[in-house]
Amino acid sequence: MTKSIRKPRPAPWWRWGGWLSLLWLLIMAQACATGAGKSPFQVSVPTLQAPVIPVACRLNGQPAECAILLKTDLEAIVRNLKAACLANGQSAKECLTENPQ
């Protein structure tokens, strides 16, 4: 009596689909974990030239806490934050760096 040799059937596509999906998920997780496209730029708070003075004020008719800040200090802080925003991939519009027309 001879046994017939059967050819192995290929695995159904859904078996491979699960493995491929898992592989794709692992690749994407690795890409996100490494910070692809992340900038090495570090935000630094500039040394203020004058102390900040807290003052009481009103905002929309409501009492609020405000501060008096030297204009050049404020400009330096805003410039550093906008540079960090751009370095991390946001657009000029998102970072509010476009010149108003």
Protein backbone atom coordinates (compact mmCIF):
# COMPACT_ATOMS: atom_id res chain seq x y z
CA MET A 1 0.00 0.00 0.00
CA THR A 2 1.44 3.37 -1.05
CA LYS A 3 0.74 6.55 0.74
CA SER A 4 0.04 9.55 -1.34
CA ILE A 5 2.19 12.58 -0.56
CA ARG A 6 0.11 15.64 -0.08
CA LYS A 7 1.50 19.05 -0.86
CA PRO A 8 1.27 21.41 2.10
CA ARG A 9 -1.38 24.03 1.54
CA PRO A 10 -0.38 27.66 1.97
CA ALA A 11 -1.53 29.28 5.19
CA PRO A 12 -4.71 31.27 4.88
CA TRP A 13 -4.12 34.99 4.32
CA TRP A 14 -5.64 35.94 7.70
CA ARG A 15 -2.90 34.06 9.55
CA TRP A 16 -0.22 36.09 7.81
CA GLY A 17 -2.29 39.26 8.11
CA GLY A 18 -2.18 39.09 11.90
CA TRP A 19 1.59 38.67 11.94
CA LEU A 20 2.11 41.41 9.40
CA SER A 21 -0.11 43.75 11.39
CA LEU A 22 1.88 42.99 14.53
CA LEU A 23 5.17 43.57 12.70
CA TRP A 24 3.88 46.88 11.31
CA LEU A 25 2.74 47.96 14.78
CA LEU A 26 6.16 47.15 16.28
CA ILE A 27 7.97 49.08 13.54
CA MET A 28 5.73 52.12 14.04
CA ALA A 29 6.12 51.97 17.82
CA GLN A 30 9.91 51.89 17.44
CA ALA A 31 9.84 54.87 15.07
CA CYS A 32 7.76 56.88 17.53
CA ALA A 33 9.90 55.86 20.50
CA THR A 34 13.09 57.08 18.84
CA GLY A 35 11.55 60.49 18.29
CA ALA A 36 11.86 60.56 14.53
CA GLY A 37 12.11 64.14 13.39
CA LYS A 38 12.50 65.51 16.90
CA SER A 39 14.78 68.51 17.14
CA PRO A 40 17.71 68.64 19.56
CA PHE A 41 16.82 72.33 20.21
CA GLN A 42 16.45 73.06 23.91
CA VAL A 43 14.36 75.92 25.23
CA SER A 44 16.29 78.16 27.57
CA VAL A 45 14.72 80.81 29.73
CA PRO A 46 16.76 83.96 29.27
CA THR A 47 18.25 85.71 32.26
CA LEU A 48 15.96 88.60 33.06
CA GLN A 49 17.54 92.06 33.15
CA ALA A 50 15.04 93.36 35.71
CA PRO A 51 12.92 91.69 38.39
CA VAL A 52 9.29 90.90 37.65
CA ILE A 53 6.94 93.03 39.75
CA PRO A 54 3.55 91.44 40.63
CA VAL A 55 0.63 93.89 40.60
CA ALA A 56 -3.11 93.67 41.03
CA CYS A 57 -5.10 94.52 37.91
CA ARG A 58 -8.49 93.99 36.27
CA LEU A 59 -9.15 91.77 33.26
CA ASN A 60 -12.61 91.96 31.67
CA GLY A 61 -13.84 93.70 34.79
CA GLN A 62 -12.56 90.91 37.06
CA PRO A 63 -9.67 91.21 39.51
CA ALA A 64 -6.54 89.43 38.27
CA GLU A 65 -2.85 89.05 39.08
CA CYS A 66 -0.60 90.79 36.58
CA ALA A 67 3.12 91.45 36.34
CA ILE A 68 5.29 94.28 35.17
CA LEU A 69 8.04 92.92 32.94
CA LEU A 70 10.78 94.68 31.02
CA LYS A 71 9.87 94.70 27.32
CA THR A 72 13.26 93.31 26.21
CA ASP A 73 12.88 90.43 28.70
CA LEU A 74 9.41 89.62 27.34
CA GLU A 75 10.72 89.73 23.75
CA ALA A 76 13.56 87.33 24.63
CA ILE A 77 11.15 84.85 26.26
CA VAL A 78 8.74 84.95 23.31
CA ARG A 79 11.59 84.61 20.78
CA ASN A 80 12.92 81.48 22.53
CA LEU A 81 9.47 79.88 22.72
CA LYS A 82 8.77 80.56 19.04
CA ALA A 83 12.17 79.14 18.07
CA ALA A 84 11.42 75.96 20.05
CA CYS A 85 8.01 75.71 18.39
CA LEU A 86 9.55 75.91 14.91
CA ALA A 87 12.38 73.53 15.81
CA ASN A 88 9.84 70.91 16.89
CA GLY A 89 8.18 70.90 13.49
CA GLN A 90 5.22 73.25 13.79
CA SER A 91 4.46 75.69 10.99
CA ALA A 92 5.19 79.41 11.12
CA LYS A 93 1.45 80.02 11.39
CA GLU A 94 1.08 77.62 14.34
CA CYS A 95 4.05 79.23 16.10
CA LEU A 96 2.69 82.74 15.42
CA THR A 97 5.92 83.80 13.69
CA GLU A 98 4.32 85.10 10.50
CA ASN A 99 4.31 88.85 9.99
CA PRO A 100 0.80 90.29 10.19
CA GLN A 101 -0.29 91.90 6.91
